[in-house]
PDB file of N, CA and C in Angstrom:
ATOM      1  N   GLU A   1      28.567 -36.194 -22.749  1.00  0.00           N
ATOM      2  CA  GLU A   1      28.966 -37.342 -23.528  1.00  0.00           C
ATOM      3  C   GLU A   1      28.062 -37.575 -24.731  1.00  0.00           C
ATOM      4  N   VAL A   2      26.836 -37.076 -24.673  1.00  0.00           N
ATOM      5  CA  VAL A   2      25.940 -37.233 -25.813  1.00  0.00           C
ATOM      6  C   VAL A   2      26.512 -36.546 -27.047  1.00  0.00           C
ATOM      7  N   GLY A   3      27.329 -35.532 -26.855  1.00  0.00           N
ATOM      8  CA  GLY A   3      27.935 -34.811 -27.967  1.00  0.00           C
ATOM      9  C   GLY A   3      28.896 -35.647 -28.785  1.00  0.00           C
ATOM     10  N   LEU A   4      29.326 -36.786 -28.264  1.00  0.00           N
ATOM     11  CA  LEU A   4      30.240 -37.671 -28.985  1.00  0.00           C
ATOM     12  C   LEU A   4      29.531 -38.479 -30.070  1.00  0.00           C
ATOM     13  N   LEU A   5      28.221 -38.464 -30.074  1.00  0.00           N
ATOM     14  CA  LEU A   5      27.427 -39.228 -31.045  1.00  0.00           C
ATOM     15  C   LEU A   5      27.168 -38.394 -32.291  1.00  0.00           C
ATOM     16  N   SER A   6      28.227 -37.861 -32.873  1.00  0.00           N
ATOM     17  CA  SER A   6      28.095 -36.861 -33.940  1.00  0.00           C
ATOM     18  C   SER A   6      27.400 -37.379 -35.197  1.00  0.00           C
ATOM     19  N   GLY A   7      27.388 -38.671 -35.448  1.00  0.00           N
ATOM     20  CA  GLY A   7      26.736 -39.216 -36.630  1.00  0.00           C
ATOM     21  C   GLY A   7      25.282 -39.598 -36.407  1.00  0.00           C
ATOM     22  N   LEU A   8      24.764 -39.332 -35.236  1.00  0.00           N
ATOM     23  CA  LEU A   8      23.405 -39.725 -34.879  1.00  0.00           C
ATOM     24  C   LEU A   8      22.370 -38.946 -35.691  1.00  0.00           C
ATOM     25  N   GLY A   9      21.416 -39.651 -36.297  1.00  0.00           N
ATOM     26  CA  GLY A   9      20.384 -39.003 -37.089  1.00  0.00           C
ATOM     27  C   GLY A   9      19.121 -38.704 -36.309  1.00  0.00           C
ATOM     28  N   GLY A  10      18.821 -39.527 -35.322  1.00  0.00           N
ATOM     29  CA  GLY A  10      17.622 -39.325 -34.518  1.00  0.00           C
ATOM     30  C   GLY A  10      17.895 -39.685 -33.068  1.00  0.00           C
ATOM     31  N   LEU A  11      17.367 -38.888 -32.167  1.00  0.00           N
ATOM     32  CA  LEU A  11      17.484 -39.165 -30.738  1.00  0.00           C
ATOM     33  C   LEU A  11      16.074 -39.243 -30.185  1.00  0.00           C
ATOM     34  N   GLU A  12      15.623 -40.463 -29.922  1.00  0.00           N
ATOM     35  CA  GLU A  12      14.253 -40.739 -29.501  1.00  0.00           C
ATOM     36  C   GLU A  12      14.279 -41.316 -28.083  1.00  0.00           C
ATOM     37  N   LEU A  13      14.063 -40.477 -27.100  1.00  0.00           N
ATOM     38  CA  LEU A  13      14.070 -40.906 -25.698  1.00  0.00           C
ATOM     39  C   LEU A  13      12.780 -40.499 -25.001  1.00  0.00           C
ATOM     40  N   TYR A  14      11.703 -40.468 -25.743  1.00  0.00           N
ATOM     41  CA  TYR A  14      10.426 -40.017 -25.218  1.00  0.00           C
ATOM     42  C   TYR A  14       9.787 -41.055 -24.301  1.00  0.00           C
ATOM     43  N   ASN A  15       8.869 -40.553 -23.454  1.00  0.00           N
ATOM     44  CA  ASN A  15       8.056 -41.385 -22.573  1.00  0.00           C
ATOM     45  C   ASN A  15       8.901 -42.248 -21.629  1.00  0.00           C
ATOM     46  N   ASN A  16       9.839 -41.606 -20.955  1.00  0.00           N
ATOM     47  CA  ASN A  16      10.664 -42.249 -19.940  1.00  0.00           C
ATOM     48  C   ASN A  16      10.539 -41.437 -18.655  1.00  0.00           C
ATOM     49  N   GLN A  17      11.504 -41.545 -17.813  1.00  0.00           N
ATOM     50  CA  GLN A  17      11.533 -40.766 -16.580  1.00  0.00           C
ATOM     51  C   GLN A  17      12.855 -40.021 -16.475  1.00  0.00           C
ATOM     52  N   LEU A  18      13.310 -39.481 -17.593  1.00  0.00           N
ATOM     53  CA  LEU A  18      14.567 -38.737 -17.622  1.00  0.00           C
ATOM     54  C   LEU A  18      14.423 -37.449 -16.829  1.00  0.00           C
ATOM     55  N   THR A  19      15.448 -37.120 -16.078  1.00  0.00           N
ATOM     56  CA  THR A  19      15.451 -35.914 -15.260  1.00  0.00           C
ATOM     57  C   THR A  19      16.650 -35.047 -15.638  1.00  0.00           C
ATOM     58  N   ARG A  20      16.790 -33.963 -14.945  1.00  0.00           N
ATOM     59  CA  ARG A  20      17.838 -32.962 -15.170  1.00  0.00           C
ATOM     60  C   ARG A  20      17.551 -32.151 -16.423  1.00  0.00           C
ATOM     61  N   SER A  21      18.547 -31.461 -16.919  1.00  0.00           N
ATOM     62  CA  SER A  21      18.338 -30.571 -18.058  1.00  0.00           C
ATOM     63  C   SER A  21      18.880 -31.188 -19.345  1.00  0.00           C
ATOM     64  N   ILE A  22      18.469 -30.620 -20.457  1.00  0.00           N
ATOM     65  CA  ILE A  22      18.983 -31.034 -21.757  1.00  0.00           C
ATOM     66  C   ILE A  22      20.405 -30.489 -21.865  1.00  0.00           C
ATOM     67  N   PRO A  23      21.395 -31.341 -22.093  1.00  0.00           N
ATOM     68  CA  PRO A  23      22.780 -30.846 -22.124  1.00  0.00           C
ATOM     69  C   PRO A  23      23.046 -29.963 -23.347  1.00  0.00           C
ATOM     70  N   SER A  24      23.844 -28.941 -23.148  1.00  0.00           N
ATOM     71  CA  SER A  24      24.175 -28.048 -24.266  1.00  0.00           C
ATOM     72  C   SER A  24      24.947 -28.783 -25.355  1.00  0.00           C
ATOM     73  N   GLU A  25      25.582 -29.892 -25.009  1.00  0.00           N
ATOM     74  CA  GLU A  25      26.342 -30.678 -25.984  1.00  0.00           C
ATOM     75  C   GLU A  25      25.452 -31.252 -27.089  1.00  0.00           C
ATOM     76  N   VAL A  26      24.149 -31.198 -26.891  1.00  0.00           N
ATOM     77  CA  VAL A  26      23.239 -31.656 -27.940  1.00  0.00           C
ATOM     78  C   VAL A  26      23.490 -30.876 -29.235  1.00  0.00           C
ATOM     79  N   GLY A  27      24.005 -29.676 -29.133  1.00  0.00           N
ATOM     80  CA  GLY A  27      24.322 -28.865 -30.305  1.00  0.00           C
ATOM     81  C   GLY A  27      25.443 -29.431 -31.153  1.00  0.00           C
ATOM     82  N   LEU A  28      26.192 -30.393 -30.629  1.00  0.00           N
ATOM     83  CA  LEU A  28      27.283 -31.023 -31.374  1.00  0.00           C
ATOM     84  C   LEU A  28      26.787 -32.141 -32.288  1.00  0.00           C
ATOM     85  N   LEU A  29      25.523 -32.502 -32.183  1.00  0.00           N
ATOM     86  CA  LEU A  29      24.964 -33.592 -32.985  1.00  0.00           C
ATOM     87  C   LEU A  29      24.563 -33.064 -34.360  1.00  0.00           C
ATOM     88  N   SER A  30      25.550 -32.793 -35.173  1.00  0.00           N
ATOM     89  CA  SER A  30      25.349 -32.049 -36.420  1.00  0.00           C
ATOM     90  C   SER A  30      24.483 -32.769 -37.443  1.00  0.00           C
ATOM     91  N   ASP A  31      24.344 -34.087 -37.372  1.00  0.00           N
ATOM     92  CA  ASP A  31      23.521 -34.829 -38.328  1.00  0.00           C
ATOM     93  C   ASP A  31      22.118 -35.100 -37.815  1.00  0.00           C
ATOM     94  N   LEU A  32      21.804 -34.604 -36.641  1.00  0.00           N
ATOM     95  CA  LEU A  32      20.519 -34.914 -36.019  1.00  0.00           C
ATOM     96  C   LEU A  32      19.358 -34.303 -36.797  1.00  0.00           C
ATOM     97  N   SER A  33      18.388 -35.136 -37.157  1.00  0.00           N
ATOM     98  CA  SER A  33      17.212 -34.638 -37.859  1.00  0.00           C
ATOM     99  C   SER A  33      15.970 -34.666 -36.972  1.00  0.00           C
ATOM    100  N   SER A  34      15.993 -35.489 -35.925  1.00  0.00           N
ATOM    101  CA  SER A  34      14.847 -35.594 -35.030  1.00  0.00           C
ATOM    102  C   SER A  34      15.322 -35.657 -33.585  1.00  0.00           C
ATOM    103  N   LEU A  35      14.796 -34.759 -32.759  1.00  0.00           N
ATOM    104  CA  LEU A  35      15.090 -34.757 -31.327  1.00  0.00           C
ATOM    105  C   LEU A  35      13.762 -34.873 -30.598  1.00  0.00           C
ATOM    106  N   ASN A  36      13.531 -36.049 -30.022  1.00  0.00           N
ATOM    107  CA  ASN A  36      12.261 -36.349 -29.382  1.00  0.00           C
ATOM    108  C   ASN A  36      12.513 -36.760 -27.937  1.00  0.00           C
ATOM    109  N   LEU A  37      12.319 -35.808 -27.036  1.00  0.00           N
ATOM    110  CA  LEU A  37      12.526 -36.033 -25.600  1.00  0.00           C
ATOM    111  C   LEU A  37      11.239 -35.788 -24.827  1.00  0.00           C
ATOM    112  N   ASP A  38      10.106 -35.899 -25.491  1.00  0.00           N
ATOM    113  CA  ASP A  38       8.845 -35.573 -24.830  1.00  0.00           C
ATOM    114  C   ASP A  38       8.480 -36.589 -23.754  1.00  0.00           C
ATOM    115  N   SER A  39       7.593 -36.154 -22.873  1.00  0.00           N
ATOM    116  CA  SER A  39       7.011 -36.992 -21.822  1.00  0.00           C
ATOM    117  C   SER A  39       8.064 -37.601 -20.899  1.00  0.00           C
ATOM    118  N   ASN A  40       8.912 -36.728 -20.386  1.00  0.00           N
ATOM    119  CA  ASN A  40       9.896 -37.080 -19.377  1.00  0.00           C
ATOM    120  C   ASN A  40       9.715 -36.126 -18.199  1.00  0.00           C
ATOM    121  N   GLN A  41      10.746 -35.931 -17.425  1.00  0.00           N
ATOM    122  CA  GLN A  41      10.720 -35.004 -16.303  1.00  0.00           C
ATOM    123  C   GLN A  41      11.898 -34.040 -16.407  1.00  0.00           C
ATOM    124  N   LEU A  42      12.186 -33.610 -17.630  1.00  0.00           N
ATOM    125  CA  LEU A  42      13.312 -32.714 -17.877  1.00  0.00           C
ATOM    126  C   LEU A  42      13.027 -31.329 -17.318  1.00  0.00           C
ATOM    127  N   THR A  43      14.043 -30.716 -16.742  1.00  0.00           N
ATOM    128  CA  THR A  43      13.928 -29.388 -16.153  1.00  0.00           C
ATOM    129  C   THR A  43      14.960 -28.464 -16.797  1.00  0.00           C
ATOM    130  N   GLY A  44      14.987 -27.229 -16.347  1.00  0.00           N
ATOM    131  CA  GLY A  44      15.930 -26.262 -16.895  1.00  0.00           C
ATOM    132  C   GLY A  44      15.421 -25.684 -18.195  1.00  0.00           C
ATOM    133  N   SER A  45      16.293 -24.967 -18.857  1.00  0.00           N
ATOM    134  CA  SER A  45      15.894 -24.284 -20.084  1.00  0.00           C
ATOM    135  C   SER A  45      16.293 -25.092 -21.318  1.00  0.00           C
ATOM    136  N   ILE A  46      15.700 -24.724 -22.434  1.00  0.00           N
ATOM    137  CA  ILE A  46      16.086 -25.311 -23.715  1.00  0.00           C
ATOM    138  C   ILE A  46      17.409 -24.660 -24.106  1.00  0.00           C
ATOM    139  N   PRO A  47      18.465 -25.449 -24.313  1.00  0.00           N
ATOM    140  CA  PRO A  47      19.769 -24.828 -24.598  1.00  0.00           C
ATOM    141  C   PRO A  47      19.765 -24.102 -25.950  1.00  0.00           C
ATOM    142  N   SER A  48      20.385 -22.950 -25.983  1.00  0.00           N
ATOM    143  CA  SER A  48      20.457 -22.178 -27.228  1.00  0.00           C
ATOM    144  C   SER A  48      21.208 -22.944 -28.312  1.00  0.00           C
ATOM    145  N   GLU A  49      22.058 -23.875 -27.917  1.00  0.00           N
ATOM    146  CA  GLU A  49      22.839 -24.670 -28.863  1.00  0.00           C
ATOM    147  C   GLU A  49      21.960 -25.519 -29.781  1.00  0.00           C
ATOM    148  N   VAL A  50      20.696 -25.660 -29.442  1.00  0.00           N
ATOM    149  CA  VAL A  50      19.778 -26.380 -30.320  1.00  0.00           C
ATOM    150  C   VAL A  50      19.730 -25.704 -31.694  1.00  0.00           C
ATOM    151  N   GLY A  51      20.023 -24.435 -31.746  1.00  0.00           N
ATOM    152  CA  GLY A  51      20.057 -23.699 -33.001  1.00  0.00           C
ATOM    153  C   GLY A  51      21.164 -24.132 -33.942  1.00  0.00           C
ATOM    154  N   LEU A  52      22.115 -24.911 -33.449  1.00  0.00           N
ATOM    155  CA  LEU A  52      23.207 -25.421 -34.285  1.00  0.00           C
ATOM    156  C   LEU A  52      22.808 -26.669 -35.061  1.00  0.00           C
ATOM    157  N   LEU A  53      21.643 -27.213 -34.777  1.00  0.00           N
ATOM    158  CA  LEU A  53      21.200 -28.468 -35.396  1.00  0.00           C
ATOM    159  C   LEU A  53      20.557 -28.180 -36.753  1.00  0.00           C
ATOM    160  N   SER A  54      21.377 -27.879 -37.725  1.00  0.00           N
ATOM    161  CA  SER A  54      20.893 -27.382 -39.023  1.00  0.00           C
ATOM    162  C   SER A  54      20.083 -28.406 -39.810  1.00  0.00           C
ATOM    163  N   GLU A  55      20.193 -29.681 -39.491  1.00  0.00           N
ATOM    164  CA  GLU A  55      19.440 -30.726 -40.199  1.00  0.00           C
ATOM    165  C   GLU A  55      18.111 -31.050 -39.516  1.00  0.00           C
ATOM    166  N   LEU A  56      17.840 -30.437 -38.379  1.00  0.00           N
ATOM    167  CA  LEU A  56      16.684 -30.802 -37.567  1.00  0.00           C
ATOM    168  C   LEU A  56      15.369 -30.449 -38.246  1.00  0.00           C
ATOM    169  N   TYR A  57      14.477 -31.425 -38.346  1.00  0.00           N
ATOM    170  CA  TYR A  57      13.135 -31.158 -38.865  1.00  0.00           C
ATOM    171  C   TYR A  57      12.064 -31.391 -37.816  1.00  0.00           C
ATOM    172  N   GLN A  58      12.438 -32.012 -36.692  1.00  0.00           N
ATOM    173  CA  GLN A  58      11.462 -32.328 -35.653  1.00  0.00           C
ATOM    174  C   GLN A  58      12.084 -32.066 -34.284  1.00  0.00           C
ATOM    175  N   LEU A  59      11.454 -31.174 -33.506  1.00  0.00           N
ATOM    176  CA  LEU A  59      11.887 -30.861 -32.145  1.00  0.00           C
ATOM    177  C   LEU A  59      10.683 -31.038 -31.230  1.00  0.00           C
ATOM    178  N   LEU A  60      10.683 -32.148 -30.495  1.00  0.00           N
ATOM    179  CA  LEU A  60       9.554 -32.514 -29.643  1.00  0.00           C
ATOM    180  C   LEU A  60      10.021 -32.573 -28.192  1.00  0.00           C
ATOM    181  N   LEU A  61       9.663 -31.551 -27.431  1.00  0.00           N
ATOM    182  CA  LEU A  61      10.082 -31.450 -26.030  1.00  0.00           C
ATOM    183  C   LEU A  61       8.881 -31.286 -25.104  1.00  0.00           C
ATOM    184  N   TYR A  62       7.713 -31.637 -25.550  1.00  0.00           N
ATOM    185  CA  TYR A  62       6.491 -31.428 -24.778  1.00  0.00           C
ATOM    186  C   TYR A  62       6.392 -32.380 -23.582  1.00  0.00           C
ATOM    187  N   ASN A  63       5.475 -32.034 -22.677  1.00  0.00           N
ATOM    188  CA  ASN A  63       5.215 -32.821 -21.461  1.00  0.00           C
ATOM    189  C   ASN A  63       6.477 -33.031 -20.618  1.00  0.00           C
ATOM    190  N   ASN A  64       7.146 -31.944 -20.326  1.00  0.00           N
ATOM    191  CA  ASN A  64       8.290 -31.946 -19.418  1.00  0.00           C
ATOM    192  C   ASN A  64       8.075 -30.830 -18.398  1.00  0.00           C
ATOM    193  N   GLN A  65       9.125 -30.393 -17.766  1.00  0.00           N
ATOM    194  CA  GLN A  65       9.057 -29.306 -16.800  1.00  0.00           C
ATOM    195  C   GLN A  65      10.073 -28.228 -17.165  1.00  0.00           C
ATOM    196  N   LEU A  66      10.205 -27.976 -18.468  1.00  0.00           N
ATOM    197  CA  LEU A  66      11.177 -27.010 -18.960  1.00  0.00           C
ATOM    198  C   LEU A  66      10.747 -25.593 -18.595  1.00  0.00           C
ATOM    199  N   THR A  67      11.717 -24.768 -18.243  1.00  0.00           N
ATOM    200  CA  THR A  67      11.472 -23.394 -17.820  1.00  0.00           C
ATOM    201  C   THR A  67      12.274 -22.433 -18.691  1.00  0.00           C
ATOM    202  N   GLY A  68      12.107 -21.156 -18.430  1.00  0.00           N
ATOM    203  CA  GLY A  68      12.828 -20.141 -19.188  1.00  0.00           C
ATOM    204  C   GLY A  68      12.111 -19.822 -20.477  1.00  0.00           C
ATOM    205  N   SER A  69      12.816 -19.187 -21.373  1.00  0.00           N
ATOM    206  CA  SER A  69      12.206 -18.760 -22.628  1.00  0.00           C
ATOM    207  C   SER A  69      12.561 -19.719 -23.755  1.00  0.00           C
ATOM    208  N   ILE A  70      11.816 -19.619 -24.825  1.00  0.00           N
ATOM    209  CA  ILE A  70      12.149 -20.352 -26.051  1.00  0.00           C
ATOM    210  C   ILE A  70      13.336 -19.624 -26.669  1.00  0.00           C
ATOM    211  N   PRO A  71      14.445 -20.311 -26.893  1.00  0.00           N
ATOM    212  CA  PRO A  71      15.617 -19.595 -27.416  1.00  0.00           C
ATOM    213  C   PRO A  71      15.385 -19.064 -28.830  1.00  0.00           C
ATOM    214  N   SER A  72      15.822 -17.862 -29.073  1.00  0.00           N
ATOM    215  CA  SER A  72      15.654 -17.256 -30.397  1.00  0.00           C
ATOM    216  C   SER A  72      16.396 -18.052 -31.469  1.00  0.00           C
ATOM    217  N   GLU A  73      17.403 -18.809 -31.071  1.00  0.00           N
ATOM    218  CA  GLU A  73      18.189 -19.613 -32.006  1.00  0.00           C
ATOM    219  C   GLU A  73      17.346 -20.675 -32.714  1.00  0.00           C
ATOM    220  N   VAL A  74      16.167 -20.956 -32.203  1.00  0.00           N
ATOM    221  CA  VAL A  74      15.253 -21.877 -32.879  1.00  0.00           C
ATOM    222  C   VAL A  74      14.982 -21.366 -34.300  1.00  0.00           C
ATOM    223  N   GLY A  75      15.018 -20.083 -34.486  1.00  0.00           N
ATOM    224  CA  GLY A  75      14.794 -19.491 -35.801  1.00  0.00           C
ATOM    225  C   GLY A  75      15.847 -19.850 -36.838  1.00  0.00           C
ATOM    226  N   LEU A  76      16.966 -20.399 -36.398  1.00  0.00           N
ATOM    227  CA  LEU A  76      18.025 -20.816 -37.316  1.00  0.00           C
ATOM    228  C   LEU A  76      17.755 -22.186 -37.924  1.00  0.00           C
ATOM    229  N   LEU A  77      16.748 -22.885 -37.422  1.00  0.00           N
ATOM    230  CA  LEU A  77      16.453 -24.251 -37.861  1.00  0.00           C
ATOM    231  C   LEU A  77      15.586 -24.216 -39.125  1.00  0.00           C
ATOM    232  N   SER A  78      16.203 -23.904 -40.236  1.00  0.00           N
ATOM    233  CA  SER A  78      15.467 -23.635 -41.473  1.00  0.00           C
ATOM    234  C   SER A  78      14.703 -24.843 -42.010  1.00  0.00           C
ATOM    235  N   ASP A  79      15.062 -26.064 -41.632  1.00  0.00           N
ATOM    236  CA  ASP A  79      14.364 -27.259 -42.102  1.00  0.00           C
ATOM    237  C   ASP A  79      13.287 -27.737 -41.122  1.00  0.00           C
ATOM    238  N   LEU A  80      13.112 -27.028 -40.008  1.00  0.00           N
ATOM    239  CA  LEU A  80      12.202 -27.485 -38.966  1.00  0.00           C
ATOM    240  C   LEU A  80      10.757 -27.522 -39.466  1.00  0.00           C
ATOM    241  N   MET A  81      10.120 -28.678 -39.274  1.00  0.00           N
ATOM    242  CA  MET A  81       8.723 -28.857 -39.681  1.00  0.00           C
ATOM    243  C   MET A  81       7.794 -28.982 -38.475  1.00  0.00           C
ATOM    244  N   GLU A  82       8.309 -29.519 -37.366  1.00  0.00           N
ATOM    245  CA  GLU A  82       7.499 -29.717 -36.162  1.00  0.00           C
ATOM    246  C   GLU A  82       8.207 -29.112 -34.956  1.00  0.00           C
ATOM    247  N   LEU A  83       7.515 -28.218 -34.268  1.00  0.00           N
ATOM    248  CA  LEU A  83       8.006 -27.631 -33.027  1.00  0.00           C
ATOM    249  C   LEU A  83       6.908 -27.791 -31.988  1.00  0.00           C
ATOM    250  N   GLU A  84       7.112 -28.743 -31.084  1.00  0.00           N
ATOM    251  CA  GLU A  84       6.104 -29.102 -30.088  1.00  0.00           C
ATOM    252  C   GLU A  84       6.716 -28.905 -28.698  1.00  0.00           C
ATOM    253  N   LEU A  85       6.329 -27.813 -28.048  1.00  0.00           N
ATOM    254  CA  LEU A  85       6.878 -27.465 -26.731  1.00  0.00           C
ATOM    255  C   LEU A  85       5.782 -27.340 -25.686  1.00  0.00           C
ATOM    256  N   TYR A  86       4.613 -27.859 -25.952  1.00  0.00           N
ATOM    257  CA  TYR A  86       3.476 -27.672 -25.059  1.00  0.00           C
ATOM    258  C   TYR A  86       3.644 -28.420 -23.733  1.00  0.00           C
ATOM    259  N   ASN A  87       2.851 -27.973 -22.762  1.00  0.00           N
ATOM    260  CA  ASN A  87       2.806 -28.565 -21.427  1.00  0.00           C
ATOM    261  C   ASN A  87       4.175 -28.568 -20.737  1.00  0.00           C
ATOM    262  N   ASN A  88       4.773 -27.390 -20.687  1.00  0.00           N
ATOM    263  CA  ASN A  88       5.994 -27.138 -19.936  1.00  0.00           C
ATOM    264  C   ASN A  88       5.721 -25.923 -19.055  1.00  0.00           C
ATOM    265  N   GLN A  89       6.761 -25.252 -18.635  1.00  0.00           N
ATOM    266  CA  GLN A  89       6.619 -24.045 -17.831  1.00  0.00           C
ATOM    267  C   GLN A  89       7.396 -22.906 -18.477  1.00  0.00           C
ATOM    268  N   LEU A  90       7.344 -22.841 -19.792  1.00  0.00           N
ATOM    269  CA  LEU A  90       8.078 -21.823 -20.540  1.00  0.00           C
ATOM    270  C   LEU A  90       7.440 -20.456 -20.328  1.00  0.00           C
ATOM    271  N   THR A  91       8.284 -19.436 -20.248  1.00  0.00           N
ATOM    272  CA  THR A  91       7.827 -18.080 -19.964  1.00  0.00           C
ATOM    273  C   THR A  91       8.326 -17.117 -21.045  1.00  0.00           C
ATOM    274  N   ARG A  92       7.970 -15.881 -20.860  1.00  0.00           N
ATOM    275  CA  ARG A  92       8.310 -14.775 -21.760  1.00  0.00           C
ATOM    276  C   ARG A  92       7.538 -14.898 -23.065  1.00  0.00           C
ATOM    277  N   SER A  93       7.924 -14.143 -24.053  1.00  0.00           N
ATOM    278  CA  SER A  93       7.169 -14.123 -25.311  1.00  0.00           C
ATOM    279  C   SER A  93       7.744 -15.132 -26.305  1.00  0.00           C
ATOM    280  N   ILE A  94       6.962 -15.438 -27.299  1.00  0.00           N
ATOM    281  CA  ILE A  94       7.403 -16.299 -28.397  1.00  0.00           C
ATOM    282  C   ILE A  94       8.393 -15.487 -29.223  1.00  0.00           C
ATOM    283  N   PRO A  95       9.602 -15.988 -29.416  1.00  0.00           N
ATOM    284  CA  PRO A  95      10.572 -15.187 -30.166  1.00  0.00           C
ATOM    285  C   PRO A  95      10.117 -14.953 -31.605  1.00  0.00           C
ATOM    286  N   SER A  96      10.328 -13.751 -32.094  1.00  0.00           N
ATOM    287  CA  SER A  96       9.903 -13.416 -33.457  1.00  0.00           C
ATOM    288  C   SER A  96      10.595 -14.296 -34.493  1.00  0.00           C
ATOM    289  N   GLU A  97      11.745 -14.852 -34.161  1.00  0.00           N
ATOM    290  CA  GLU A  97      12.497 -15.705 -35.086  1.00  0.00           C
ATOM    291  C   GLU A  97      11.723 -16.963 -35.481  1.00  0.00           C
ATOM    292  N   VAL A  98      10.755 -17.348 -34.659  1.00  0.00           N
ATOM    293  CA  VAL A  98       9.911 -18.495 -35.020  1.00  0.00           C
ATOM    294  C   VAL A  98       9.207 -18.212 -36.343  1.00  0.00           C
ATOM    295  N   GLY A  99       8.925 -16.960 -36.629  1.00  0.00           N
ATOM    296  CA  GLY A  99       8.291 -16.581 -37.882  1.00  0.00           C
ATOM    297  C   GLY A  99       9.150 -16.826 -39.108  1.00  0.00           C
ATOM    298  N   LEU A 100      10.435 -17.082 -38.920  1.00  0.00           N
ATOM    299  CA  LEU A 100      11.342 -17.364 -40.037  1.00  0.00           C
ATOM    300  C   LEU A 100      11.286 -18.819 -40.484  1.00  0.00           C
ATOM    301  N   LEU A 101      10.592 -19.656 -39.741  1.00  0.00           N
ATOM    302  CA  LEU A 101      10.558 -21.096 -40.015  1.00  0.00           C
ATOM    303  C   LEU A 101       9.533 -21.401 -41.110  1.00  0.00           C
ATOM    304  N   SER A 102       9.928 -21.194 -42.344  1.00  0.00           N
ATOM    305  CA  SER A 102       8.996 -21.292 -43.474  1.00  0.00           C
ATOM    306  C   SER A 102       8.514 -22.711 -43.749  1.00  0.00           C
ATOM    307  N   ASP A 103       9.227 -23.735 -43.299  1.00  0.00           N
ATOM    308  CA  ASP A 103       8.809 -25.118 -43.520  1.00  0.00           C
ATOM    309  C   ASP A 103       7.970 -25.669 -42.367  1.00  0.00           C
ATOM    310  N   LEU A 104       7.751 -24.857 -41.351  1.00  0.00           N
ATOM    311  CA  LEU A 104       7.030 -25.316 -40.161  1.00  0.00           C
ATOM    312  C   LEU A 104       5.580 -25.658 -40.509  1.00  0.00           C
ATOM    313  N   SER A 105       5.196 -26.896 -40.209  1.00  0.00           N
ATOM    314  CA  SER A 105       3.813 -27.317 -40.465  1.00  0.00           C
ATOM    315  C   SER A 105       3.054 -27.582 -39.166  1.00  0.00           C
ATOM    316  N   SER A 106       3.777 -27.720 -38.044  1.00  0.00           N
ATOM    317  CA  SER A 106       3.118 -27.955 -36.767  1.00  0.00           C
ATOM    318  C   SER A 106       3.841 -27.179 -35.668  1.00  0.00           C
ATOM    319  N   LEU A 107       3.086 -26.298 -35.012  1.00  0.00           N
ATOM    320  CA  LEU A 107       3.605 -25.490 -33.909  1.00  0.00           C
ATOM    321  C   LEU A 107       2.617 -25.598 -32.759  1.00  0.00           C
ATOM    322  N   ASN A 108       3.061 -26.170 -31.646  1.00  0.00           N
ATOM    323  CA  ASN A 108       2.182 -26.329 -30.495  1.00  0.00           C
ATOM    324  C   ASN A 108       2.927 -25.857 -29.253  1.00  0.00           C
ATOM    325  N   LEU A 109       2.461 -24.751 -28.695  1.00  0.00           N
ATOM    326  CA  LEU A 109       3.091 -24.134 -27.526  1.00  0.00           C
ATOM    327  C   LEU A 109       2.117 -23.996 -26.365  1.00  0.00           C
ATOM    328  N   ASP A 110       0.966 -24.663 -26.438  1.00  0.00           N
ATOM    329  CA  ASP A 110      -0.044 -24.450 -25.399  1.00  0.00           C
ATOM    330  C   ASP A 110       0.391 -25.008 -24.049  1.00  0.00           C
ATOM    331  N   SER A 111      -0.334 -24.605 -23.018  1.00  0.00           N
ATOM    332  CA  SER A 111      -0.110 -25.044 -21.634  1.00  0.00           C
ATOM    333  C   SER A 111       1.298 -24.709 -21.130  1.00  0.00           C
ATOM    334  N   ASN A 112       1.698 -23.467 -21.381  1.00  0.00           N
ATOM    335  CA  ASN A 112       2.923 -22.889 -20.844  1.00  0.00           C
ATOM    336  C   ASN A 112       2.525 -21.605 -20.135  1.00  0.00           C
ATOM    337  N   GLN A 113       3.459 -20.731 -19.883  1.00  0.00           N
ATOM    338  CA  GLN A 113       3.174 -19.444 -19.248  1.00  0.00           C
ATOM    339  C   GLN A 113       3.703 -18.320 -20.139  1.00  0.00           C
ATOM    340  N   LEU A 114       3.489 -18.458 -21.425  1.00  0.00           N
ATOM    341  CA  LEU A 114       3.979 -17.488 -22.400  1.00  0.00           C
ATOM    342  C   LEU A 114       3.169 -16.202 -22.323  1.00  0.00           C
ATOM    343  N   THR A 115       3.824 -15.086 -22.597  1.00  0.00           N
ATOM    344  CA  THR A 115       3.189 -13.776 -22.555  1.00  0.00           C
ATOM    345  C   THR A 115       3.468 -13.028 -23.845  1.00  0.00           C
ATOM    346  N   GLY A 116       2.934 -11.855 -23.962  1.00  0.00           N
ATOM    347  CA  GLY A 116       3.200 -11.003 -25.119  1.00  0.00           C
ATOM    348  C   GLY A 116       2.230 -11.248 -26.236  1.00  0.00           C
ATOM    349  N   SER A 117       2.609 -10.810 -27.421  1.00  0.00           N
ATOM    350  CA  SER A 117       1.727 -10.914 -28.575  1.00  0.00           C
ATOM    351  C   SER A 117       2.167 -12.075 -29.478  1.00  0.00           C
ATOM    352  N   ILE A 118       1.263 -12.408 -30.383  1.00  0.00           N
ATOM    353  CA  ILE A 118       1.556 -13.508 -31.321  1.00  0.00           C
ATOM    354  C   ILE A 118       2.290 -12.948 -32.515  1.00  0.00           C
TER     355      ILE A 118
END
């Protein structure tokens, strides 16, 4: 149902006790510029549909219990300035597509279980 909020510019639900996973319908929020779900109890993986959020400049998902890998689709977020995914349980390597984020000014991935090279 969150996908019905197509005109939403910012989704700020940080520092709550939200559970379950981030719904893939978040990719339908085409005007979203800020997605801030940090400091909750979210589980599951980061949906690849986040790559559809072409207006996004801030993606803050830290201090949750997210698992899986960072989706390569994050590299499609050409306006992204802040990517904060620290203190989760993310695994695998950092996708090379993160290197395409030329406007990125803050990248924090610490306190995960990431492997591979930088």
